[in-house]
């Protein structure tokens, strides 16, 4: 693994982990009332486009970070759908 890929993996890990506390809070409280549905949908759309870009570029850092973030967003959206 080269230094640029390692840098990308570290950056992706940190940005993905920054979203984890929100997922944990939504999971525990079953409340997503303060989260905008439009923001979540726009963010998920952007993340999925980055994921496709990463696959096309065969870039493991982009794929890993955006794949993990997409999963976190799906969790938040499913909590929002279920509990309003």
PDB file of N, CA and C in Angstrom:
ATOM      1  N   UNK A   1       0.847  -1.171   0.000  1.00  0.00           N
ATOM      2  CA  UNK A   1       0.000   0.000   0.000  1.00  0.00           C
ATOM      3  C   UNK A   1       0.898   1.242   0.000  1.00  0.00           C
ATOM      4  N   UNK A   2       0.612   2.155  -0.905  1.00  0.00           N
ATOM      5  CA  UNK A   2       1.433   3.355  -0.986  1.00  0.00           C
ATOM      6  C   UNK A   2       0.944   4.417   0.005  1.00  0.00           C
ATOM      7  N   UNK A   3       1.740   5.449   0.164  1.00  0.00           N
ATOM      8  CA  UNK A   3       1.434   6.509   1.123  1.00  0.00           C
ATOM      9  C   UNK A   3       0.165   7.271   0.805  1.00  0.00           C
ATOM     10  N   UNK A   4      -0.123   7.455  -0.474  1.00  0.00           N
ATOM     11  CA  UNK A   4      -1.328   8.193  -0.861  1.00  0.00           C
ATOM     12  C   UNK A   4      -2.575   7.395  -0.497  1.00  0.00           C
ATOM     13  N   UNK A   5      -2.550   6.088  -0.750  1.00  0.00           N
ATOM     14  CA  UNK A   5      -3.689   5.242  -0.385  1.00  0.00           C
ATOM     15  C   UNK A   5      -3.867   5.222   1.122  1.00  0.00           C
ATOM     16  N   UNK A   6      -2.774   5.143   1.867  1.00  0.00           N
ATOM     17  CA  UNK A   6      -2.848   5.148   3.328  1.00  0.00           C
ATOM     18  C   UNK A   6      -3.440   6.459   3.823  1.00  0.00           C
ATOM     19  N   UNK A   7      -3.011   7.562   3.248  1.00  0.00           N
ATOM     20  CA  UNK A   7      -3.566   8.865   3.602  1.00  0.00           C
ATOM     21  C   UNK A   7      -5.070   8.894   3.346  1.00  0.00           C
ATOM     22  N   UNK A   8      -5.491   8.380   2.201  1.00  0.00           N
ATOM     23  CA  UNK A   8      -6.914   8.324   1.865  1.00  0.00           C
ATOM     24  C   UNK A   8      -7.690   7.454   2.833  1.00  0.00           C
ATOM     25  N   UNK A   9      -7.118   6.329   3.234  1.00  0.00           N
ATOM     26  CA  UNK A   9      -7.791   5.447   4.188  1.00  0.00           C
ATOM     27  C   UNK A   9      -7.928   6.100   5.555  1.00  0.00           C
ATOM     28  N   UNK A  10      -6.906   6.815   5.993  1.00  0.00           N
ATOM     29  CA  UNK A  10      -6.986   7.517   7.280  1.00  0.00           C
ATOM     30  C   UNK A  10      -8.032   8.624   7.215  1.00  0.00           C
ATOM     31  N   UNK A  11      -8.005   9.417   6.152  1.00  0.00           N
ATOM     32  CA  UNK A  11      -8.981  10.499   5.989  1.00  0.00           C
ATOM     33  C   UNK A  11     -10.398   9.940   5.923  1.00  0.00           C
ATOM     34  N   UNK A  12     -10.583   8.882   5.157  1.00  0.00           N
ATOM     35  CA  UNK A  12     -11.906   8.267   5.045  1.00  0.00           C
ATOM     36  C   UNK A  12     -12.396   7.695   6.362  1.00  0.00           C
ATOM     37  N   UNK A  13     -11.485   7.088   7.120  1.00  0.00           N
ATOM     38  CA  UNK A  13     -11.851   6.537   8.424  1.00  0.00           C
ATOM     39  C   UNK A  13     -12.306   7.639   9.364  1.00  0.00           C
ATOM     40  N   UNK A  14     -11.564   8.729   9.400  1.00  0.00           N
ATOM     41  CA  UNK A  14     -11.926   9.831  10.299  1.00  0.00           C
ATOM     42  C   UNK A  14     -13.249  10.480   9.917  1.00  0.00           C
ATOM     43  N   UNK A  15     -13.480  10.716   8.635  1.00  0.00           N
ATOM     44  CA  UNK A  15     -14.737  11.355   8.239  1.00  0.00           C
ATOM     45  C   UNK A  15     -15.920  10.415   8.435  1.00  0.00           C
ATOM     46  N   UNK A  16     -15.716   9.135   8.213  1.00  0.00           N
ATOM     47  CA  UNK A  16     -16.785   8.171   8.442  1.00  0.00           C
ATOM     48  C   UNK A  16     -17.081   8.055   9.932  1.00  0.00           C
ATOM     49  N   UNK A  17     -16.044   7.958  10.749  1.00  0.00           N
ATOM     50  CA  UNK A  17     -16.235   7.858  12.194  1.00  0.00           C
ATOM     51  C   UNK A  17     -16.895   9.107  12.774  1.00  0.00           C
ATOM     52  N   UNK A  18     -16.718  10.253  12.136  1.00  0.00           N
ATOM     53  CA  UNK A  18     -17.349  11.478  12.635  1.00  0.00           C
ATOM     54  C   UNK A  18     -18.873  11.383  12.584  1.00  0.00           C
ATOM     55  N   UNK A  19     -19.384  10.537  11.719  1.00  0.00           N
ATOM     56  CA  UNK A  19     -20.834  10.371  11.588  1.00  0.00           C
ATOM     57  C   UNK A  19     -21.378   9.308  12.548  1.00  0.00           C
ATOM     58  N   UNK A  20     -20.512   8.449  13.056  1.00  0.00           N
ATOM     59  CA  UNK A  20     -20.935   7.351  13.928  1.00  0.00           C
ATOM     60  C   UNK A  20     -21.649   7.814  15.199  1.00  0.00           C
ATOM     61  N   UNK A  21     -21.203   8.872  15.894  1.00  0.00           N
ATOM     62  CA  UNK A  21     -21.935   9.288  17.093  1.00  0.00           C
ATOM     63  C   UNK A  21     -23.405   9.641  16.820  1.00  0.00           C
ATOM     64  N   UNK A  22     -23.660  10.202  15.648  1.00  0.00           N
ATOM     65  CA  UNK A  22     -25.055  10.521  15.298  1.00  0.00           C
ATOM     66  C   UNK A  22     -25.872   9.255  15.125  1.00  0.00           C
ATOM     67  N   UNK A  23     -25.289   8.251  14.506  1.00  0.00           N
ATOM     68  CA  UNK A  23     -25.979   6.976  14.325  1.00  0.00           C
ATOM     69  C   UNK A  23     -26.249   6.333  15.686  1.00  0.00           C
ATOM     70  N   UNK A  24     -25.260   6.347  16.557  1.00  0.00           N
ATOM     71  CA  UNK A  24     -25.417   5.759  17.888  1.00  0.00           C
ATOM     72  C   UNK A  24     -26.512   6.482  18.669  1.00  0.00           C
ATOM     73  N   UNK A  25     -26.495   7.794  18.604  1.00  0.00           N
ATOM     74  CA  UNK A  25     -27.525   8.572  19.320  1.00  0.00           C
ATOM     75  C   UNK A  25     -28.918   8.275  18.769  1.00  0.00           C
ATOM     76  N   UNK A  26     -29.055   8.242  17.460  1.00  0.00           N
ATOM     77  CA  UNK A  26     -30.358   7.953  16.848  1.00  0.00           C
ATOM     78  C   UNK A  26     -30.808   6.541  17.217  1.00  0.00           C
ATOM     79  N   UNK A  27     -29.871   5.613  17.245  1.00  0.00           N
ATOM     80  CA  UNK A  27     -30.189   4.227  17.596  1.00  0.00           C
ATOM     81  C   UNK A  27     -30.690   4.140  19.040  1.00  0.00           C
ATOM     82  N   UNK A  28     -29.989   4.810  19.951  1.00  0.00           N
ATOM     83  CA  UNK A  28     -30.344   4.751  21.379  1.00  0.00           C
ATOM     84  C   UNK A  28     -31.654   5.470  21.681  1.00  0.00           C
ATOM     85  N   UNK A  29     -31.826   6.658  21.107  1.00  0.00           N
ATOM     86  CA  UNK A  29     -33.008   7.468  21.429  1.00  0.00           C
ATOM     87  C   UNK A  29     -34.191   7.162  20.524  1.00  0.00           C
ATOM     88  N   UNK A  30     -33.923   6.491  19.417  1.00  0.00           N
ATOM     89  CA  UNK A  30     -34.949   6.238  18.402  1.00  0.00           C
ATOM     90  C   UNK A  30     -35.566   7.542  17.897  1.00  0.00           C
ATOM     91  N   UNK A  31     -34.767   8.604  17.932  1.00  0.00           N
ATOM     92  CA  UNK A  31     -35.243   9.913  17.490  1.00  0.00           C
ATOM     93  C   UNK A  31     -34.308  10.482  16.434  1.00  0.00           C
ATOM     94  N   UNK A  32     -34.892  10.901  15.344  1.00  0.00           N
ATOM     95  CA  UNK A  32     -34.140  11.582  14.288  1.00  0.00           C
ATOM     96  C   UNK A  32     -34.845  12.879  13.895  1.00  0.00           C
ATOM     97  N   UNK A  33     -35.681  13.369  14.803  1.00  0.00           N
ATOM     98  CA  UNK A  33     -36.489  14.560  14.500  1.00  0.00           C
ATOM     99  C   UNK A  33     -35.635  15.768  14.129  1.00  0.00           C
ATOM    100  N   UNK A  34     -34.443  15.862  14.705  1.00  0.00           N
ATOM    101  CA  UNK A  34     -33.583  17.009  14.431  1.00  0.00           C
ATOM    102  C   UNK A  34     -32.764  16.864  13.154  1.00  0.00           C
ATOM    103  N   UNK A  35     -32.894  15.733  12.479  1.00  0.00           N
ATOM    104  CA  UNK A  35     -32.144  15.508  11.245  1.00  0.00           C
ATOM    105  C   UNK A  35     -33.044  15.735  10.037  1.00  0.00           C
ATOM    106  N   UNK A  36     -32.597  16.568   9.154  1.00  0.00           N
ATOM    107  CA  UNK A  36     -33.362  16.883   7.952  1.00  0.00           C
ATOM    108  C   UNK A  36     -33.347  15.698   6.985  1.00  0.00           C
ATOM    109  N   UNK A  37     -34.526  15.275   6.569  1.00  0.00           N
ATOM    110  CA  UNK A  37     -34.629  14.190   5.593  1.00  0.00           C
ATOM    111  C   UNK A  37     -33.967  14.590   4.276  1.00  0.00           C
ATOM    112  N   UNK A  38     -34.168  15.836   3.860  1.00  0.00           N
ATOM    113  CA  UNK A  38     -33.558  16.308   2.606  1.00  0.00           C
ATOM    114  C   UNK A  38     -32.036  16.237   2.686  1.00  0.00           C
ATOM    115  N   UNK A  39     -31.464  16.633   3.822  1.00  0.00           N
ATOM    116  CA  UNK A  39     -30.016  16.581   3.989  1.00  0.00           C
ATOM    117  C   UNK A  39     -29.522  15.146   3.925  1.00  0.00           C
ATOM    118  N   UNK A  40     -30.219  14.244   4.600  1.00  0.00           N
ATOM    119  CA  UNK A  40     -29.805  12.847   4.604  1.00  0.00           C
ATOM    120  C   UNK A  40     -29.858  12.244   3.204  1.00  0.00           C
ATOM    121  N   UNK A  41     -30.895  12.564   2.451  1.00  0.00           N
ATOM    122  CA  UNK A  41     -31.036  12.032   1.089  1.00  0.00           C
ATOM    123  C   UNK A  41     -29.964  12.618   0.166  1.00  0.00           C
ATOM    124  N   UNK A  42     -29.721  13.924   0.271  1.00  0.00           N
ATOM    125  CA  UNK A  42     -28.671  14.534  -0.545  1.00  0.00           C
ATOM    126  C   UNK A  42     -27.297  13.974  -0.191  1.00  0.00           C
ATOM    127  N   UNK A  43     -27.034  13.815   1.101  1.00  0.00           N
ATOM    128  CA  UNK A  43     -25.757  13.259   1.523  1.00  0.00           C
ATOM    129  C   UNK A  43     -25.595  11.825   1.033  1.00  0.00           C
ATOM    130  N   UNK A  44     -26.640  11.020   1.161  1.00  0.00           N
ATOM    131  CA  UNK A  44     -26.574   9.633   0.690  1.00  0.00           C
ATOM    132  C   UNK A  44     -26.344   9.582  -0.817  1.00  0.00           C
ATOM    133  N   UNK A  45     -27.007  10.445  -1.554  1.00  0.00           N
ATOM    134  CA  UNK A  45     -26.823  10.482  -3.004  1.00  0.00           C
ATOM    135  C   UNK A  45     -25.371  10.815  -3.349  1.00  0.00           C
ATOM    136  N   UNK A  46     -24.823  11.814  -2.689  1.00  0.00           N
ATOM    137  CA  UNK A  46     -23.425  12.175  -2.922  1.00  0.00           C
ATOM    138  C   UNK A  46     -22.475  11.044  -2.545  1.00  0.00           C
ATOM    139  N   UNK A  47     -22.728  10.412  -1.414  1.00  0.00           N
ATOM    140  CA  UNK A  47     -21.886   9.299  -0.963  1.00  0.00           C
ATOM    141  C   UNK A  47     -21.940   8.146  -1.958  1.00  0.00           C
ATOM    142  N   UNK A  48     -23.132   7.818  -2.448  1.00  0.00           N
ATOM    143  CA  UNK A  48     -23.257   6.725  -3.417  1.00  0.00           C
ATOM    144  C   UNK A  48     -22.552   7.059  -4.727  1.00  0.00           C
ATOM    145  N   UNK A  49     -22.609   8.330  -5.138  1.00  0.00           N
ATOM    146  CA  UNK A  49     -21.882   8.738  -6.346  1.00  0.00           C
ATOM    147  C   UNK A  49     -20.372   8.639  -6.125  1.00  0.00           C
ATOM    148  N   UNK A  50     -19.892   9.029  -4.943  1.00  0.00           N
ATOM    149  CA  UNK A  50     -18.477   8.861  -4.619  1.00  0.00           C
ATOM    150  C   UNK A  50     -18.095   7.388  -4.611  1.00  0.00           C
ATOM    151  N   UNK A  51     -18.987   6.548  -4.125  1.00  0.00           N
ATOM    152  CA  UNK A  51     -18.723   5.109  -4.109  1.00  0.00           C
ATOM    153  C   UNK A  51     -18.574   4.576  -5.536  1.00  0.00           C
ATOM    154  N   UNK A  52     -19.463   4.975  -6.425  1.00  0.00           N
ATOM    155  CA  UNK A  52     -19.363   4.565  -7.832  1.00  0.00           C
ATOM    156  C   UNK A  52     -18.059   5.078  -8.435  1.00  0.00           C
ATOM    157  N   UNK A  53     -17.734   6.321  -8.146  1.00  0.00           N
ATOM    158  CA  UNK A  53     -16.478   6.905  -8.627  1.00  0.00           C
ATOM    159  C   UNK A  53     -15.289   6.079  -8.133  1.00  0.00           C
ATOM    160  N   UNK A  54     -15.296   5.726  -6.854  1.00  0.00           N
ATOM    161  CA  UNK A  54     -14.215   4.927  -6.292  1.00  0.00           C
ATOM    162  C   UNK A  54     -14.089   3.570  -6.947  1.00  0.00           C
ATOM    163  N   UNK A  55     -15.237   2.952  -7.241  1.00  0.00           N
ATOM    164  CA  UNK A  55     -15.217   1.655  -7.926  1.00  0.00           C
ATOM    165  C   UNK A  55     -14.640   1.814  -9.332  1.00  0.00           C
ATOM    166  N   UNK A  56     -15.076   2.856 -10.019  1.00  0.00           N
ATOM    167  CA  UNK A  56     -14.579   3.082 -11.378  1.00  0.00           C
ATOM    168  C   UNK A  56     -13.073   3.374 -11.384  1.00  0.00           C
ATOM    169  N   UNK A  57     -12.580   4.076 -10.364  1.00  0.00           N
ATOM    170  CA  UNK A  57     -11.157   4.399 -10.270  1.00  0.00           C
ATOM    171  C   UNK A  57     -10.363   3.275  -9.593  1.00  0.00           C
ATOM    172  N   UNK A  58     -11.092   2.269  -9.097  1.00  0.00           N
ATOM    173  CA  UNK A  58     -10.473   1.159  -8.361  1.00  0.00           C
ATOM    174  C   UNK A  58      -9.634   1.676  -7.194  1.00  0.00           C
ATOM    175  N   UNK A  59     -10.220   2.614  -6.434  1.00  0.00           N
ATOM    176  CA  UNK A  59      -9.537   3.245  -5.314  1.00  0.00           C
ATOM    177  C   UNK A  59     -10.100   2.702  -4.000  1.00  0.00           C
ATOM    178  N   UNK A  60      -9.328   1.858  -3.302  1.00  0.00           N
ATOM    179  CA  UNK A  60      -9.849   1.231  -2.092  1.00  0.00           C
ATOM    180  C   UNK A  60     -10.207   2.220  -0.991  1.00  0.00           C
ATOM    181  N   UNK A  61      -9.505   3.334  -0.900  1.00  0.00           N
ATOM    182  CA  UNK A  61      -9.805   4.319   0.140  1.00  0.00           C
ATOM    183  C   UNK A  61     -11.184   4.945  -0.089  1.00  0.00           C
ATOM    184  N   UNK A  62     -11.459   5.314  -1.316  1.00  0.00           N
ATOM    185  CA  UNK A  62     -12.754   5.922  -1.643  1.00  0.00           C
ATOM    186  C   UNK A  62     -13.870   4.898  -1.477  1.00  0.00           C
ATOM    187  N   UNK A  63     -13.637   3.694  -1.903  1.00  0.00           N
ATOM    188  CA  UNK A  63     -14.641   2.633  -1.800  1.00  0.00           C
ATOM    189  C   UNK A  63     -14.958   2.336  -0.336  1.00  0.00           C
ATOM    190  N   UNK A  64     -13.934   2.143   0.479  1.00  0.00           N
ATOM    191  CA  UNK A  64     -14.137   1.790   1.884  1.00  0.00           C
ATOM    192  C   UNK A  64     -14.845   2.903   2.647  1.00  0.00           C
ATOM    193  N   UNK A  65     -14.371   4.117   2.504  1.00  0.00           N
ATOM    194  CA  UNK A  65     -14.943   5.231   3.256  1.00  0.00           C
ATOM    195  C   UNK A  65     -16.397   5.481   2.875  1.00  0.00           C
ATOM    196  N   UNK A  66     -16.668   5.501   1.594  1.00  0.00           N
ATOM    197  CA  UNK A  66     -18.020   5.816   1.159  1.00  0.00           C
ATOM    198  C   UNK A  66     -18.967   4.631   1.336  1.00  0.00           C
ATOM    199  N   UNK A  67     -18.453   3.425   1.237  1.00  0.00           N
ATOM    200  CA  UNK A  67     -19.278   2.250   1.525  1.00  0.00           C
ATOM    201  C   UNK A  67     -19.717   2.233   2.980  1.00  0.00           C
ATOM    202  N   UNK A  68     -18.768   2.491   3.886  1.00  0.00           N
ATOM    203  CA  UNK A  68     -19.094   2.515   5.317  1.00  0.00           C
ATOM    204  C   UNK A  68     -20.052   3.654   5.649  1.00  0.00           C
ATOM    205  N   UNK A  69     -19.813   4.827   5.081  1.00  0.00           N
ATOM    206  CA  UNK A  69     -20.691   5.965   5.348  1.00  0.00           C
ATOM    207  C   UNK A  69     -22.094   5.709   4.797  1.00  0.00           C
ATOM    208  N   UNK A  70     -22.197   5.072   3.647  1.00  0.00           N
ATOM    209  CA  UNK A  70     -23.514   4.738   3.079  1.00  0.00           C
ATOM    210  C   UNK A  70     -24.271   3.813   4.018  1.00  0.00           C
ATOM    211  N   UNK A  71     -23.586   2.854   4.616  1.00  0.00           N
ATOM    212  CA  UNK A  71     -24.242   1.956   5.574  1.00  0.00           C
ATOM    213  C   UNK A  71     -24.766   2.739   6.777  1.00  0.00           C
ATOM    214  N   UNK A  72     -23.951   3.664   7.300  1.00  0.00           N
ATOM    215  CA  UNK A  72     -24.388   4.482   8.429  1.00  0.00           C
ATOM    216  C   UNK A  72     -25.601   5.333   8.055  1.00  0.00           C
ATOM    217  N   UNK A  73     -25.577   5.886   6.862  1.00  0.00           N
ATOM    218  CA  UNK A  73     -26.721   6.696   6.415  1.00  0.00           C
ATOM    219  C   UNK A  73     -27.974   5.846   6.239  1.00  0.00           C
ATOM    220  N   UNK A  74     -27.826   4.641   5.707  1.00  0.00           N
ATOM    221  CA  UNK A  74     -28.977   3.746   5.590  1.00  0.00           C
ATOM    222  C   UNK A  74     -29.555   3.430   6.961  1.00  0.00           C
ATOM    223  N   UNK A  75     -28.694   3.254   7.970  1.00  0.00           N
ATOM    224  CA  UNK A  75     -29.176   3.001   9.323  1.00  0.00           C
ATOM    225  C   UNK A  75     -29.978   4.182   9.849  1.00  0.00           C
ATOM    226  N   UNK A  76     -29.447   5.378   9.674  1.00  0.00           N
ATOM    227  CA  UNK A  76     -30.163   6.572  10.144  1.00  0.00           C
ATOM    228  C   UNK A  76     -31.483   6.733   9.402  1.00  0.00           C
ATOM    229  N   UNK A  77     -31.460   6.533   8.091  1.00  0.00           N
ATOM    230  CA  UNK A  77     -32.706   6.669   7.324  1.00  0.00           C
ATOM    231  C   UNK A  77     -33.725   5.611   7.717  1.00  0.00           C
ATOM    232  N   UNK A  78     -33.284   4.410   8.030  1.00  0.00           N
ATOM    233  CA  UNK A  78     -34.236   3.383   8.446  1.00  0.00           C
ATOM    234  C   UNK A  78     -34.819   3.715   9.822  1.00  0.00           C
ATOM    235  N   UNK A  79     -34.005   4.267  10.717  1.00  0.00           N
ATOM    236  CA  UNK A  79     -34.540   4.704  12.020  1.00  0.00           C
ATOM    237  C   UNK A  79     -35.538   5.828  11.819  1.00  0.00           C
ATOM    238  N   UNK A  80     -35.193   6.767  10.937  1.00  0.00           N
ATOM    239  CA  UNK A  80     -36.096   7.900  10.657  1.00  0.00           C
ATOM    240  C   UNK A  80     -37.403   7.409  10.054  1.00  0.00           C
ATOM    241  N   UNK A  81     -37.339   6.441   9.162  1.00  0.00           N
ATOM    242  CA  UNK A  81     -38.556   5.885   8.541  1.00  0.00           C
ATOM    243  C   UNK A  81     -39.416   5.161   9.574  1.00  0.00           C
ATOM    244  N   UNK A  82     -38.778   4.443  10.467  1.00  0.00           N
ATOM    245  CA  UNK A  82     -39.517   3.653  11.442  1.00  0.00           C
ATOM    246  C   UNK A  82     -40.070   4.481  12.596  1.00  0.00           C
ATOM    247  N   UNK A  83     -39.280   5.442  13.075  1.00  0.00           N
ATOM    248  CA  UNK A  83     -39.660   6.182  14.274  1.00  0.00           C
ATOM    249  C   UNK A  83     -39.969   7.651  14.024  1.00  0.00           C
ATOM    250  N   UNK A  84     -39.961   8.044  12.761  1.00  0.00           N
ATOM    251  CA  UNK A  84     -40.305   9.434  12.432  1.00  0.00           C
ATOM    252  C   UNK A  84     -39.187  10.345  12.770  1.00  0.00           C
TER     253      UNK A  84
END
